[in-house]
Each structure stands twice: as structure tokens, then as C-alpha cells.
């Protein structure tokens, strides 16, 4: 393994955070990494929100169906994509993953909360004052973990085939 694969394999979703703030330099670097994600035709259709205000974190958490823990996180990123761009969803998902991995490299854990196709997406867009031509793709709660639960990943033989899929 190398440093990049070590970071990738060490990443686990965390939903319980310490109240400690995340360093602004770490936040900035993670966003820069997100902005270096692959993007169709280099359109870069993303917009990144950084939310630290506890009242706003609570409002976002209450709006979601599976992100109630956002209220207790030190910060949440909101990733939006320009709806008129054909591949905004793919591009913004790639940027979300880059963001999460960059945070992990600094020892900041996170949890990806769905945005796209969720009923609350428009409510959160409006709540954050984001223009109508953007759509919420993802929310990422982040901070230092107070508790980590590690779940097992599937074995390689269950998820990989070579050349042609053959049912056993």
C-alpha cells in the first residue's frame, strides 16, 4: 500500500463527532482537493458551502431524513451542482469523494449524506440562499470522531469479475 491507498482504506463514515472545530487551513485544502476532481469537459459545475453555525447545522439536520447527526458535527459541507450542466451529478459526486478523502488525510472524519433526488434538497438550497440554477448533490458532516464504527466490506471475490461475468 502507499499513502493514498492507506487514506482511502482508512476512511469510514462517522456520525458522532467531538465538538472541536476543524482548522480553516484543512477546510480550505480539502475544498481545493474537491475542486481538482475529474469534471466532464472541465466545466467544474460545483459550488461548495461550508456551514459551521450551530443554528444552521441544526436546521439542516432537522430537514434531512438520515442526517440528524449533522446538528452535532462541527461543520457540514454542502455540495451543489449547476443543473444545466449535463454531468453535474457525476462531477459533484467525484468532488465530494475528493473532499472526503482530503479530510481523511488530515484525520478529519466525515459522513456523506445524500442530497440529489431527496425531498429536502430544495429546502436546503433555499435555506442556504443558493441560486435556483444549482441543485444540492451532497452534504458532508465532518469533524474529529468521538466514536468510530467500522463495518466490514465485501470480499473481492464477491464484487470483481475479469473479462466477462460468469455466474457460479
C-alpha atoms as a PDB file:
ATOM      1  CA  UNK A   1       0.000   0.000   0.000  1.00  0.00           C
ATOM      2  CA  UNK A   2       1.017   3.599  -0.499  1.00  0.00           C
ATOM      3  CA  UNK A   3      -0.106   6.730   1.330  1.00  0.00           C
ATOM      4  CA  UNK A   4      -3.105   7.352  -0.966  1.00  0.00           C
ATOM      5  CA  UNK A   5      -4.456   3.805  -0.727  1.00  0.00           C
ATOM      6  CA  UNK A   6      -3.876   3.866   3.029  1.00  0.00           C
ATOM      7  CA  UNK A   7      -6.005   7.016   3.323  1.00  0.00           C
ATOM      8  CA  UNK A   8      -8.725   5.506   1.125  1.00  0.00           C
ATOM      9  CA  UNK A   9      -8.821   2.233   3.075  1.00  0.00           C
ATOM     10  CA  UNK A  10      -8.835   4.035   6.438  1.00  0.00           C
ATOM     11  CA  UNK A  11     -11.949   6.068   5.585  1.00  0.00           C
ATOM     12  CA  UNK A  12     -15.129   5.095   7.408  1.00  0.00           C
ATOM     13  CA  UNK A  13     -18.357   7.016   7.822  1.00  0.00           C
ATOM     14  CA  UNK A  14     -18.511   8.714  11.208  1.00  0.00           C
ATOM     15  CA  UNK A  15     -21.710  10.075  12.713  1.00  0.00           C
ATOM     16  CA  UNK A  16     -20.505  11.027  16.197  1.00  0.00           C
ATOM     17  CA  UNK A  17     -18.108  13.932  16.471  1.00  0.00           C
ATOM     18  CA  UNK A  18     -16.189  15.800  19.138  1.00  0.00           C
ATOM     19  CA  UNK A  19     -17.172  19.475  19.348  1.00  0.00           C
ATOM     20  CA  UNK A  20     -13.623  20.543  18.390  1.00  0.00           C
ATOM     21  CA  UNK A  21     -13.504  22.937  15.426  1.00  0.00           C
ATOM     22  CA  UNK A  22     -11.793  21.921  12.191  1.00  0.00           C
ATOM     23  CA  UNK A  23      -8.825  24.072  11.232  1.00  0.00           C
ATOM     24  CA  UNK A  24      -9.635  26.580   8.468  1.00  0.00           C
ATOM     25  CA  UNK A  25      -6.470  25.624   6.560  1.00  0.00           C
ATOM     26  CA  UNK A  26      -7.659  22.000   6.495  1.00  0.00           C
ATOM     27  CA  UNK A  27     -11.081  23.102   5.255  1.00  0.00           C
ATOM     28  CA  UNK A  28      -9.541  25.217   2.512  1.00  0.00           C
ATOM     29  CA  UNK A  29      -7.166  22.465   1.380  1.00  0.00           C
ATOM     30  CA  UNK A  30      -9.974  19.890   1.344  1.00  0.00           C
ATOM     31  CA  UNK A  31     -12.091  22.185  -0.840  1.00  0.00           C
ATOM     32  CA  UNK A  32      -9.143  22.754  -3.162  1.00  0.00           C
ATOM     33  CA  UNK A  33      -8.820  18.970  -3.469  1.00  0.00           C
ATOM     34  CA  UNK A  34     -12.554  18.738  -4.184  1.00  0.00           C
ATOM     35  CA  UNK A  35     -12.135  21.319  -6.927  1.00  0.00           C
ATOM     36  CA  UNK A  36      -9.431  19.140  -8.504  1.00  0.00           C
ATOM     37  CA  UNK A  37     -11.880  16.282  -9.079  1.00  0.00           C
ATOM     38  CA  UNK A  38     -12.455  14.930 -12.560  1.00  0.00           C
ATOM     39  CA  UNK A  39     -15.037  17.001 -14.399  1.00  0.00           C
ATOM     40  CA  UNK A  40     -16.632  16.458 -17.799  1.00  0.00           C
ATOM     41  CA  UNK A  41     -15.176  18.895 -20.337  1.00  0.00           C
ATOM     42  CA  UNK A  42     -13.633  20.768 -17.376  1.00  0.00           C
ATOM     43  CA  UNK A  43     -16.940  22.552 -16.698  1.00  0.00           C
ATOM     44  CA  UNK A  44     -16.449  22.417 -12.917  1.00  0.00           C
ATOM     45  CA  UNK A  45     -20.185  22.809 -12.174  1.00  0.00           C
ATOM     46  CA  UNK A  46     -19.786  22.764  -8.409  1.00  0.00           C
ATOM     47  CA  UNK A  47     -20.418  25.189  -5.602  1.00  0.00           C
ATOM     48  CA  UNK A  48     -19.180  24.376  -2.089  1.00  0.00           C
ATOM     49  CA  UNK A  49     -20.844  25.642   1.060  1.00  0.00           C
ATOM     50  CA  UNK A  50     -19.121  25.499   4.454  1.00  0.00           C
ATOM     51  CA  UNK A  51     -21.534  25.629   7.369  1.00  0.00           C
ATOM     52  CA  UNK A  52     -20.249  25.997  10.956  1.00  0.00           C
ATOM     53  CA  UNK A  53     -23.075  27.971  12.566  1.00  0.00           C
ATOM     54  CA  UNK A  54     -24.775  25.689  15.106  1.00  0.00           C
ATOM     55  CA  UNK A  55     -28.261  27.068  14.398  1.00  0.00           C
ATOM     56  CA  UNK A  56     -27.846  26.432  10.672  1.00  0.00           C
ATOM     57  CA  UNK A  57     -26.400  22.962  11.293  1.00  0.00           C
ATOM     58  CA  UNK A  58     -29.479  22.176  13.388  1.00  0.00           C
ATOM     59  CA  UNK A  59     -31.833  23.452  10.666  1.00  0.00           C
ATOM     60  CA  UNK A  60     -30.073  21.337   8.040  1.00  0.00           C
ATOM     61  CA  UNK A  61     -30.122  18.275  10.302  1.00  0.00           C
ATOM     62  CA  UNK A  62     -33.826  18.670  11.031  1.00  0.00           C
ATOM     63  CA  UNK A  63     -34.569  18.976   7.317  1.00  0.00           C
ATOM     64  CA  UNK A  64     -32.839  15.719   6.334  1.00  0.00           C
ATOM     65  CA  UNK A  65     -34.179  12.226   6.799  1.00  0.00           C
ATOM     66  CA  UNK A  66     -30.872  10.452   7.520  1.00  0.00           C
ATOM     67  CA  UNK A  67     -28.607  13.312   8.593  1.00  0.00           C
ATOM     68  CA  UNK A  68     -29.817  14.177  12.088  1.00  0.00           C
ATOM     69  CA  UNK A  69     -26.216  13.838  13.347  1.00  0.00           C
ATOM     70  CA  UNK A  70     -25.264  16.929  11.310  1.00  0.00           C
ATOM     71  CA  UNK A  71     -26.571  19.008  14.231  1.00  0.00           C
ATOM     72  CA  UNK A  72     -23.756  17.693  16.431  1.00  0.00           C
ATOM     73  CA  UNK A  73     -20.955  17.990  13.887  1.00  0.00           C
ATOM     74  CA  UNK A  74     -18.505  20.910  13.968  1.00  0.00           C
ATOM     75  CA  UNK A  75     -19.187  21.614  10.315  1.00  0.00           C
ATOM     76  CA  UNK A  76     -21.037  20.490   7.243  1.00  0.00           C
ATOM     77  CA  UNK A  77     -20.141  20.940   3.611  1.00  0.00           C
ATOM     78  CA  UNK A  78     -22.963  21.371   1.123  1.00  0.00           C
ATOM     79  CA  UNK A  79     -22.038  20.498  -2.447  1.00  0.00           C
ATOM     80  CA  UNK A  80     -24.237  21.925  -5.191  1.00  0.00           C
ATOM     81  CA  UNK A  81     -24.118  21.415  -8.938  1.00  0.00           C
ATOM     82  CA  UNK A  82     -25.268  23.595 -11.819  1.00  0.00           C
ATOM     83  CA  UNK A  83     -28.436  21.883 -13.036  1.00  0.00           C
ATOM     84  CA  UNK A  84     -27.951  22.916 -16.670  1.00  0.00           C
ATOM     85  CA  UNK A  85     -24.641  21.026 -16.899  1.00  0.00           C
ATOM     86  CA  UNK A  86     -25.184  17.533 -18.320  1.00  0.00           C
ATOM     87  CA  UNK A  87     -22.775  15.765 -15.950  1.00  0.00           C
ATOM     88  CA  UNK A  88     -23.150  17.871 -12.807  1.00  0.00           C
ATOM     89  CA  UNK A  89     -24.152  14.849 -10.719  1.00  0.00           C
ATOM     90  CA  UNK A  90     -21.126  12.767 -11.695  1.00  0.00           C
ATOM     91  CA  UNK A  91     -18.777  15.734 -11.363  1.00  0.00           C
ATOM     92  CA  UNK A  92     -20.107  16.762  -7.953  1.00  0.00           C
ATOM     93  CA  UNK A  93     -20.020  13.185  -6.662  1.00  0.00           C
ATOM     94  CA  UNK A  94     -16.364  12.967  -7.708  1.00  0.00           C
ATOM     95  CA  UNK A  95     -15.661  16.273  -5.936  1.00  0.00           C
ATOM     96  CA  UNK A  96     -17.483  15.034  -2.823  1.00  0.00           C
ATOM     97  CA  UNK A  97     -15.289  11.944  -2.710  1.00  0.00           C
ATOM     98  CA  UNK A  98     -12.139  14.063  -3.151  1.00  0.00           C
ATOM     99  CA  UNK A  99     -13.313  16.278  -0.293  1.00  0.00           C
ATOM    100  CA  UNK A 100     -13.916  13.296   1.988  1.00  0.00           C
ATOM    101  CA  UNK A 101     -10.528  11.738   1.193  1.00  0.00           C
ATOM    102  CA  UNK A 102      -8.690  15.024   1.699  1.00  0.00           C
ATOM    103  CA  UNK A 103     -10.344  15.418   5.104  1.00  0.00           C
ATOM    104  CA  UNK A 104      -9.412  11.832   5.973  1.00  0.00           C
ATOM    105  CA  UNK A 105      -5.779  12.553   5.127  1.00  0.00           C
ATOM    106  CA  UNK A 106      -5.853  15.205   7.879  1.00  0.00           C
ATOM    107  CA  UNK A 107      -7.518  12.840  10.359  1.00  0.00           C
ATOM    108  CA  UNK A 108     -10.888  14.533   9.966  1.00  0.00           C
ATOM    109  CA  UNK A 109     -13.662  12.011   9.622  1.00  0.00           C
ATOM    110  CA  UNK A 110     -16.916  12.551   7.792  1.00  0.00           C
ATOM    111  CA  UNK A 111     -20.186  11.131   6.595  1.00  0.00           C
ATOM    112  CA  UNK A 112     -21.749  11.679   3.175  1.00  0.00           C
ATOM    113  CA  UNK A 113     -25.458  12.465   3.318  1.00  0.00           C
ATOM    114  CA  UNK A 114     -27.441  12.270   0.089  1.00  0.00           C
ATOM    115  CA  UNK A 115     -28.814  15.447  -1.449  1.00  0.00           C
ATOM    116  CA  UNK A 116     -29.680  14.688  -5.070  1.00  0.00           C
ATOM    117  CA  UNK A 117     -33.222  13.372  -5.522  1.00  0.00           C
ATOM    118  CA  UNK A 118     -34.088  13.915  -1.859  1.00  0.00           C
ATOM    119  CA  UNK A 119     -37.254  15.822  -0.998  1.00  0.00           C
ATOM    120  CA  UNK A 120     -35.301  18.166   1.267  1.00  0.00           C
ATOM    121  CA  UNK A 121     -32.771  19.215  -1.421  1.00  0.00           C
ATOM    122  CA  UNK A 122     -34.734  22.282  -2.492  1.00  0.00           C
ATOM    123  CA  UNK A 123     -35.436  23.301   1.116  1.00  0.00           C
ATOM    124  CA  UNK A 124     -31.717  23.224   1.951  1.00  0.00           C
ATOM    125  CA  UNK A 125     -30.850  25.139  -1.229  1.00  0.00           C
ATOM    126  CA  UNK A 126     -33.310  27.853  -0.225  1.00  0.00           C
ATOM    127  CA  UNK A 127     -32.195  27.791   3.421  1.00  0.00           C
ATOM    128  CA  UNK A 128     -28.596  28.448   2.355  1.00  0.00           C
ATOM    129  CA  UNK A 129     -29.581  31.106  -0.194  1.00  0.00           C
ATOM    130  CA  UNK A 130     -28.063  29.234  -3.132  1.00  0.00           C
ATOM    131  CA  UNK A 131     -29.285  30.370  -6.587  1.00  0.00           C
ATOM    132  CA  UNK A 132     -32.045  28.345  -8.287  1.00  0.00           C
ATOM    133  CA  UNK A 133     -29.786  27.097 -11.067  1.00  0.00           C
ATOM    134  CA  UNK A 134     -27.977  24.880  -8.533  1.00  0.00           C
ATOM    135  CA  UNK A 135     -29.120  21.568  -7.095  1.00  0.00           C
ATOM    136  CA  UNK A 136     -27.960  20.015  -3.808  1.00  0.00           C
ATOM    137  CA  UNK A 137     -25.873  16.950  -4.605  1.00  0.00           C
ATOM    138  CA  UNK A 138     -24.471  16.064  -1.192  1.00  0.00           C
ATOM    139  CA  UNK A 139     -23.951  17.075   2.401  1.00  0.00           C
ATOM    140  CA  UNK A 140     -20.797  16.067   4.256  1.00  0.00           C
ATOM    141  CA  UNK A 141     -20.741  16.265   8.042  1.00  0.00           C
ATOM    142  CA  UNK A 142     -17.148  16.450   9.278  1.00  0.00           C
ATOM    143  CA  UNK A 143     -15.051  16.639  12.416  1.00  0.00           C
ATOM    144  CA  UNK A 144     -12.887  14.699  14.808  1.00  0.00           C
ATOM    145  CA  UNK A 145     -14.570  11.425  15.695  1.00  0.00           C
ATOM    146  CA  UNK A 146     -15.848  10.744  19.186  1.00  0.00           C
ATOM    147  CA  UNK A 147     -16.816   7.240  18.106  1.00  0.00           C
ATOM    148  CA  UNK A 148     -15.988   5.127  15.055  1.00  0.00           C
ATOM    149  CA  UNK A 149     -17.927   2.078  13.952  1.00  0.00           C
ATOM    150  CA  UNK A 150     -16.120   0.003  11.356  1.00  0.00           C
ATOM    151  CA  UNK A 151     -18.222  -2.167   9.112  1.00  0.00           C
ATOM    152  CA  UNK A 152     -16.842  -4.982   7.002  1.00  0.00           C
ATOM    153  CA  UNK A 153     -16.542  -4.540   3.265  1.00  0.00           C
ATOM    154  CA  UNK A 154     -17.468  -7.327   0.861  1.00  0.00           C
ATOM    155  CA  UNK A 155     -14.735  -9.739  -0.182  1.00  0.00           C
ATOM    156  CA  UNK A 156     -13.103  -9.082  -3.542  1.00  0.00           C
ATOM    157  CA  UNK A 157     -14.440 -12.351  -4.988  1.00  0.00           C
ATOM    158  CA  UNK A 158     -17.975 -11.048  -4.380  1.00  0.00           C
ATOM    159  CA  UNK A 159     -17.522  -7.786  -6.262  1.00  0.00           C
ATOM    160  CA  UNK A 160     -14.962  -8.330  -9.027  1.00  0.00           C
ATOM    161  CA  UNK A 161     -15.014 -10.150 -12.319  1.00  0.00           C
ATOM    162  CA  UNK A 162     -12.404 -10.259 -15.051  1.00  0.00           C
ATOM    163  CA  UNK A 163     -13.158 -10.053 -18.762  1.00  0.00           C
ATOM    164  CA  UNK A 164     -16.693 -11.481 -18.568  1.00  0.00           C
ATOM    165  CA  UNK A 165     -19.165 -12.076 -15.747  1.00  0.00           C
ATOM    166  CA  UNK A 166     -19.862 -15.757 -15.181  1.00  0.00           C
ATOM    167  CA  UNK A 167     -22.492 -16.837 -12.716  1.00  0.00           C
ATOM    168  CA  UNK A 168     -21.203 -19.611 -10.494  1.00  0.00           C
END
